Amino acid sequence: MPLAYLIGDILSTKPLVKANIEKVEARMRAQANERHPDLRVALDNLLAAGGKRVRPKLVLLTGNMLGADPEKLVTLAAAIEMLHTATLVHDDLIDGSLMRRGNDTLNANWTPAATVLTGDFVFARAAKLAAETGSLTVMEEFAETLAIMVNGELTQMFDARGLASRENYYERIYAKTGSLFELSTHGAAIISPVDTEIIEKARIFGRELGTAFQIVDDILDFTGDQAAVGKPVGSDLLQGLITLPALYYIEQYPNDKQVKSLLNGHYHNEKEMAILVENIRQSNAIQLALNEAKEYASRALQSLNGQPQSEERLALESLAQYVTNRNV
């Protein structure tokens, strides 16, 4: 089972999350009211296939822990999840993906133009919701996060294929995952009655947790199976995307035949990449990458120091521990 689904299940057990996540869903669905009927159908379908709502649950837990207004939290959670949903619409079109989570993607049935316009509509409604929090700072952070995510996609598209660079890797995973986790916890703290030190700690929690989450997700690309992770094992390498386990292996074995093939741009060679995936699995690169993910998770936990004990804090602590302690 994908990591997002597992941690989503953990967060769903919390009563305050259960009580408010339905409000978040309703707020998102309402964004297409009185719009073109095809837009309403498209948004309903997108949200029905929307996964476990990890990011809005992070918003709710963080904000409840810090005493934020519940209605503003629901609005912020809906804004962030719609931002995430819009990026998936465009990502599926860019990648030519026809299925996501077992469902047809929008572009499987619509023209590219209609798909792009629908994604744009979802982006616009997400921005409107962010503005409804009444916080200029939240709006600024929302806009900056979107810019980071788009820049990350362009970096991956033009610069990342076959590139063995730690700097590039960390930039990509922050853009892909860390930035949106960061927005979830940082935004919730911004609209809470807390001082700047607590707001900064909340930002750090989201960023460090998101980084650990993505590293573990990248490890699962090597150690999982296709049914469990929802994509072929080693699919990142076949796209020329070098993640942390591969980086550790490359640093240790720069003269490996398959490493040279990868770095020379021959990552579409399925036979060569299958050998490389198995070599990485059998090396200590997986453990080294996991150790690094645990360092990020540890820093996330440390950022919760000073918060009063509460059900929400315990849930966030459990999440940070779970991300790196499950079998990978």
Protein backbone atom coordinates (compact mmCIF):
# COMPACT_ATOMS: atom_id res chain seq x y z
CA MET A 1 0.00 0.00 0.00
CA PRO A 2 1.36 3.49 -0.89
CA LEU A 3 2.91 5.37 2.03
CA ALA A 4 0.42 8.26 1.72
CA TYR A 5 -2.48 5.86 2.26
CA LEU A 6 -0.90 4.32 5.35
CA ILE A 7 -0.18 7.61 7.11
CA GLY A 8 -3.57 8.93 6.00
CA ASP A 9 -5.15 6.03 7.87
CA ILE A 10 -3.16 6.93 11.00
CA LEU A 11 -4.37 10.53 10.91
CA SER A 12 -7.98 9.50 10.24
CA THR A 13 -8.23 7.89 13.67
CA LYS A 14 -8.19 11.25 15.45
CA PRO A 15 -11.69 12.50 16.41
CA LEU A 16 -11.04 16.13 15.56
CA VAL A 17 -9.74 15.11 12.14
CA LYS A 18 -12.75 12.89 11.54
CA ALA A 19 -15.11 15.71 12.49
CA ASN A 20 -13.56 18.29 10.18
CA ILE A 21 -12.30 16.39 7.14
CA GLU A 22 -15.89 16.04 5.86
CA LYS A 23 -16.19 19.82 6.07
CA VAL A 24 -12.99 20.13 4.03
CA GLU A 25 -14.42 17.79 1.39
CA ALA A 26 -17.65 19.78 1.23
CA ARG A 27 -15.75 23.07 0.96
CA MET A 28 -13.75 21.73 -1.99
CA ARG A 29 -16.77 20.35 -3.81
CA ALA A 30 -18.62 23.64 -3.41
CA GLN A 31 -15.96 25.41 -5.47
CA ALA A 32 -17.58 24.23 -8.71
CA ASN A 33 -21.13 25.28 -7.76
CA GLU A 34 -22.82 27.42 -10.41
CA ARG A 35 -20.03 26.67 -12.87
CA HIS A 36 -20.01 24.76 -16.15
CA PRO A 37 -21.57 21.32 -15.50
CA ASP A 38 -18.54 19.54 -16.93
CA LEU A 39 -16.34 21.36 -14.42
CA ARG A 40 -18.56 20.15 -11.59
CA VAL A 41 -18.37 16.57 -12.83
CA ALA A 42 -14.59 16.80 -13.31
CA LEU A 43 -14.02 18.21 -9.81
CA ASP A 44 -16.28 15.57 -8.25
CA ASN A 45 -14.30 12.84 -10.02
CA LEU A 46 -10.95 14.34 -9.04
CA LEU A 47 -11.93 14.60 -5.40
CA ALA A 48 -13.47 11.13 -5.34
CA ALA A 49 -10.09 9.72 -6.37
CA GLY A 50 -8.19 12.05 -4.08
CA GLY A 51 -6.37 9.68 -1.75
CA LYS A 52 -6.13 9.97 2.00
CA ARG A 53 -5.97 13.78 2.41
CA VAL A 54 -2.66 13.71 4.27
CA ARG A 55 -1.99 17.44 3.81
CA PRO A 56 -5.36 18.74 5.03
CA LYS A 57 -5.12 16.40 8.00
CA LEU A 58 -1.74 17.93 8.83
CA VAL A 59 -3.37 21.37 8.66
CA LEU A 60 -6.15 20.30 11.02
CA LEU A 61 -3.88 18.61 13.56
CA THR A 62 -1.36 21.45 13.63
CA GLY A 63 -3.98 24.17 13.83
CA ASN A 64 -6.02 22.38 16.50
CA MET A 65 -2.84 21.87 18.53
CA LEU A 66 -2.10 25.61 18.32
CA GLY A 67 -5.64 26.88 18.92
CA ALA A 68 -6.56 28.16 15.45
CA ASP A 69 -10.12 29.05 14.47
CA PRO A 70 -11.71 25.79 13.21
CA GLU A 71 -13.46 27.39 10.22
CA LYS A 72 -10.27 29.04 9.01
CA LEU A 73 -8.50 25.70 9.34
CA VAL A 74 -11.11 23.99 7.17
CA THR A 75 -10.72 26.73 4.57
CA LEU A 76 -6.93 26.49 4.58
CA ALA A 77 -7.02 22.69 4.43
CA ALA A 78 -9.36 22.84 1.42
CA ALA A 79 -7.12 25.40 -0.30
CA ILE A 80 -3.99 23.29 0.10
CA GLU A 81 -5.65 20.06 -1.01
CA MET A 82 -7.08 21.79 -4.09
CA LEU A 83 -3.62 23.13 -4.88
CA HIS A 84 -2.29 19.56 -4.62
CA THR A 85 -5.16 18.26 -6.79
CA ALA A 86 -4.51 20.87 -9.48
CA THR A 87 -0.84 19.91 -9.68
CA LEU A 88 -1.83 16.26 -10.15
CA VAL A 89 -4.11 17.20 -13.07
CA HIS A 90 -1.23 18.92 -14.86
CA ASP A 91 1.30 16.25 -13.86
CA ASP A 92 -0.84 13.48 -15.34
CA LEU A 93 -1.14 15.40 -18.59
CA ILE A 94 2.60 16.11 -18.75
CA ASP A 95 3.45 12.47 -18.00
CA GLY A 96 0.78 11.05 -20.29
CA SER A 97 -0.66 9.08 -17.36
CA LEU A 98 -4.05 7.53 -18.05
CA MET A 99 -4.61 6.05 -14.59
CA ARG A 100 -4.16 7.35 -11.05
CA ARG A 101 -5.07 5.31 -7.95
CA GLY A 102 -6.97 2.87 -10.15
CA ASN A 103 -9.12 5.56 -11.80
CA ASP A 104 -9.00 7.21 -15.20
CA THR A 105 -7.14 10.50 -15.17
CA LEU A 106 -8.87 13.56 -16.54
CA ASN A 107 -6.71 13.56 -19.66
CA ALA A 108 -7.69 9.94 -20.37
CA ASN A 109 -11.10 11.21 -21.47
CA TRP A 110 -10.61 14.90 -22.20
CA THR A 111 -8.53 16.86 -24.68
CA PRO A 112 -5.26 18.39 -23.46
CA ALA A 113 -6.80 21.86 -23.73
CA ALA A 114 -9.80 20.94 -21.55
CA THR A 115 -7.53 19.21 -19.04
CA VAL A 116 -5.23 22.23 -18.73
CA LEU A 117 -8.18 24.58 -18.31
CA THR A 118 -9.67 22.39 -15.60
CA GLY A 119 -6.36 22.35 -13.76
CA ASP A 120 -6.23 26.13 -14.06
CA PHE A 121 -9.74 26.39 -12.63
CA VAL A 122 -8.78 24.26 -9.62
CA PHE A 123 -5.66 26.41 -9.07
CA ALA A 124 -7.83 29.54 -9.15
CA ARG A 125 -10.34 28.20 -6.65
CA ALA A 126 -7.52 27.04 -4.38
CA ALA A 127 -6.13 30.58 -4.39
CA LYS A 128 -9.57 32.01 -3.59
CA LEU A 129 -9.87 29.69 -0.60
CA ALA A 130 -6.40 30.68 0.61
CA ALA A 131 -7.48 34.33 0.44
CA GLU A 132 -10.57 33.52 2.51
CA THR A 133 -8.35 32.70 5.49
CA GLY A 134 -7.98 36.47 5.80
CA SER A 135 -4.19 36.22 6.08
CA LEU A 136 -1.98 38.06 3.61
CA THR A 137 0.96 36.00 4.84
CA VAL A 138 -0.86 32.77 4.03
CA MET A 139 -1.60 34.08 0.52
CA GLU A 140 2.07 35.00 0.02
CA GLU A 141 3.19 31.56 1.21
CA PHE A 142 0.57 29.89 -0.99
CA ALA A 143 1.80 31.75 -4.09
CA GLU A 144 5.45 31.03 -3.25
CA THR A 145 4.73 27.32 -2.79
CA LEU A 146 3.05 27.13 -6.18
CA ALA A 147 6.05 28.85 -7.78
CA ILE A 148 8.41 26.39 -6.06
CA MET A 149 6.40 23.40 -7.28
CA VAL A 150 6.30 24.63 -10.87
CA ASN A 151 10.01 25.42 -10.83
CA GLY A 152 10.65 21.92 -9.49
CA GLU A 153 8.69 20.35 -12.33
CA LEU A 154 10.64 22.36 -14.89
CA THR A 155 13.92 21.41 -13.21
CA GLN A 156 12.96 17.74 -13.35
CA MET A 157 11.85 18.03 -16.96
CA PHE A 158 14.91 19.84 -18.32
CA ASP A 159 17.82 19.27 -15.93
CA ALA A 160 17.34 16.14 -13.81
CA ARG A 161 17.40 13.23 -16.27
CA GLY A 162 20.51 11.15 -15.68
CA LEU A 163 21.93 13.74 -13.29
CA ALA A 164 23.64 12.38 -10.14
CA SER A 165 23.49 15.50 -7.98
CA ARG A 166 22.52 15.73 -4.34
CA GLU A 167 21.73 19.44 -4.72
CA ASN A 168 19.37 18.69 -7.59
CA TYR A 169 17.76 15.83 -5.66
CA TYR A 170 17.04 17.86 -2.54
CA GLU A 171 15.69 20.71 -4.63
CA ARG A 172 13.36 18.31 -6.45
CA ILE A 173 11.97 16.59 -3.37
CA TYR A 174 11.41 19.90 -1.61
CA ALA A 175 9.52 21.18 -4.62
CA LYS A 176 7.57 17.93 -5.02
CA THR A 177 6.68 17.16 -1.41
CA GLY A 178 8.46 19.18 1.25
CA SER A 179 7.06 22.54 0.17
CA LEU A 180 3.43 21.44 0.38
CA PHE A 181 3.90 19.71 3.74
CA GLU A 182 5.61 22.89 4.90
CA LEU A 183 2.72 25.03 3.69
CA SER A 184 0.27 22.77 5.54
CA THR A 185 1.88 23.12 8.96
CA HIS A 186 3.26 26.64 8.49
CA GLY A 187 -0.04 27.98 7.20
CA ALA A 188 -1.94 26.43 10.10
CA ALA A 189 0.45 28.09 12.55
CA ILE A 190 0.21 31.48 10.81
CA ILE A 191 -3.54 31.62 11.44
CA SER A 192 -3.12 30.45 15.05
CA PRO A 193 -2.73 32.70 18.12
CA VAL A 194 0.95 31.85 18.64
CA ASP A 195 4.25 33.73 18.49
CA THR A 196 6.78 33.74 15.67
CA GLU A 197 8.96 31.10 17.32
CA ILE A 198 6.12 28.57 17.35
CA ILE A 199 5.21 29.48 13.76
CA GLU A 200 8.79 28.80 12.68
CA LYS A 201 8.84 25.47 14.50
CA ALA A 202 5.65 24.45 12.73
CA ARG A 203 7.22 25.34 9.39
CA ILE A 204 10.27 23.23 10.20
CA PHE A 205 8.08 20.29 11.22
CA GLY A 206 6.30 20.24 7.86
CA ARG A 207 9.44 20.66 5.81
CA GLU A 208 11.45 18.00 7.66
CA LEU A 209 8.54 15.56 7.73
CA GLY A 210 7.85 16.08 4.02
CA THR A 211 11.51 15.45 3.18
CA ALA A 212 11.57 12.25 5.24
CA PHE A 213 8.31 11.17 3.62
CA GLN A 214 9.68 11.63 0.09
CA ILE A 215 12.98 9.88 0.83
CA VAL A 216 11.08 6.86 2.16
CA ASP A 217 8.80 6.98 -0.88
CA ASP A 218 11.93 6.92 -3.06
CA ILE A 219 13.29 3.95 -1.09
CA LEU A 220 10.03 2.10 -1.70
CA ASP A 221 10.62 2.52 -5.43
CA PHE A 222 13.43 -0.01 -4.92
CA THR A 223 12.20 -2.21 -2.09
CA GLY A 224 8.45 -2.42 -2.68
CA ASP A 225 6.50 -4.34 -5.27
CA GLN A 226 4.36 -2.95 -8.05
CA ALA A 227 1.05 -3.74 -6.35
CA ALA A 228 2.17 -2.15 -3.09
CA VAL A 229 3.61 1.12 -4.40
CA GLY A 230 1.24 1.57 -7.33
CA LYS A 231 3.96 1.77 -10.00
CA PRO A 232 6.65 -0.50 -11.43
CA VAL A 233 9.63 -1.03 -9.11
CA GLY A 234 12.55 1.07 -10.31
CA SER A 235 10.33 3.36 -12.36
CA ASP A 236 12.28 6.45 -11.27
CA LEU A 237 15.51 5.11 -12.78
CA LEU A 238 13.73 4.23 -16.02
CA GLN A 239 12.83 7.91 -16.27
CA GLY A 240 16.42 8.89 -15.55
CA LEU A 241 15.51 10.28 -12.13
CA ILE A 242 18.28 9.53 -9.65
CA THR A 243 16.97 9.41 -6.08
CA LEU A 244 18.81 9.10 -2.77
CA PRO A 245 19.36 5.30 -2.72
CA ALA A 246 20.83 5.49 -6.22
CA LEU A 247 22.97 8.46 -5.23
CA TYR A 248 24.50 6.53 -2.34
CA TYR A 249 25.18 3.57 -4.62
CA ILE A 250 26.72 5.77 -7.34
CA GLU A 251 28.99 7.45 -4.80
CA GLN A 252 30.26 4.05 -3.67
CA TYR A 253 30.48 2.37 -7.09
CA PRO A 254 31.15 5.06 -9.70
CA ASN A 255 32.72 2.53 -12.08
CA ASP A 256 29.80 0.10 -11.99
CA LYS A 257 28.82 -0.80 -15.58
CA GLN A 258 25.12 -0.04 -15.04
CA VAL A 259 25.93 3.22 -13.25
CA LYS A 260 27.93 4.36 -16.25
CA SER A 261 25.03 3.35 -18.51
CA LEU A 262 22.64 5.43 -16.41
CA LEU A 263 24.89 8.47 -16.34
CA ASN A 264 25.47 8.23 -20.08
CA GLY A 265 21.76 8.60 -20.71
CA HIS A 266 20.87 4.95 -21.34
CA TYR A 267 18.28 4.81 -18.57
CA HIS A 268 15.57 3.59 -20.97
CA ASN A 269 17.41 0.26 -21.21
CA GLU A 270 15.10 -1.84 -19.03
CA LYS A 271 17.53 -4.76 -18.76
CA GLU A 272 20.41 -2.57 -17.57
CA MET A 273 18.22 -0.66 -15.13
CA ALA A 274 16.75 -3.88 -13.71
CA ILE A 275 20.28 -5.03 -12.90
CA LEU A 276 21.07 -1.67 -11.32
CA VAL A 277 17.89 -1.77 -9.21
CA GLU A 278 18.84 -5.22 -7.91
CA ASN A 279 22.41 -4.09 -7.19
CA ILE A 280 21.09 -1.15 -5.20
CA ARG A 281 18.69 -3.43 -3.30
CA GLN A 282 21.56 -5.73 -2.33
CA SER A 283 23.87 -2.90 -1.25
CA ASN A 284 23.84 -0.75 1.90
CA ALA A 285 22.53 2.22 -0.09
CA ILE A 286 18.95 1.54 1.04
CA GLN A 287 19.95 1.62 4.70
CA LEU A 288 22.03 4.75 4.24
CA ALA A 289 19.10 6.52 2.62
CA LEU A 290 16.78 5.35 5.40
CA ASN A 291 19.23 6.62 8.02
CA GLU A 292 19.12 10.02 6.36
CA ALA A 293 15.32 9.99 6.31
CA LYS A 294 15.38 9.22 10.04
CA GLU A 295 17.55 12.28 10.60
CA TYR A 296 14.91 14.46 8.94
CA ALA A 297 12.14 12.79 10.95
CA SER A 298 14.14 13.35 14.15
CA ARG A 299 14.44 17.06 13.38
CA ALA A 300 10.68 17.17 12.78
CA LEU A 301 10.10 15.62 16.20
CA GLN A 302 12.49 18.08 17.85
CA SER A 303 10.50 20.98 16.42
CA LEU A 304 7.50 19.85 18.50
CA ASN A 305 9.45 20.40 21.74
CA GLY A 306 7.78 22.99 23.92
CA GLN A 307 4.26 22.24 22.72
CA PRO A 308 1.85 21.17 25.48
CA GLN A 309 0.92 17.50 25.46
CA SER A 310 -2.27 16.96 23.50
CA GLU A 311 -3.92 14.38 21.30
CA GLU A 312 -2.85 16.37 18.24
CA ARG A 313 0.79 16.57 19.29
CA LEU A 314 0.87 12.83 19.98
CA ALA A 315 -0.62 12.18 16.54
CA LEU A 316 2.03 14.32 14.85
CA GLU A 317 4.78 12.61 16.85
CA SER A 318 3.42 9.18 15.90
CA LEU A 319 3.35 10.19 12.27
CA ALA A 320 6.95 11.39 12.26
CA GLN A 321 8.06 8.14 13.90
CA TYR A 322 5.95 5.92 11.65
CA VAL A 323 7.20 7.36 8.37
CA THR A 324 10.70 5.99 8.89
CA ASN A 325 10.06 3.03 11.21
CA ARG A 326 7.88 0.91 8.93
CA ASN A 327 9.49 -1.83 6.85
CA VAL A 328 11.01 -0.46 3.67
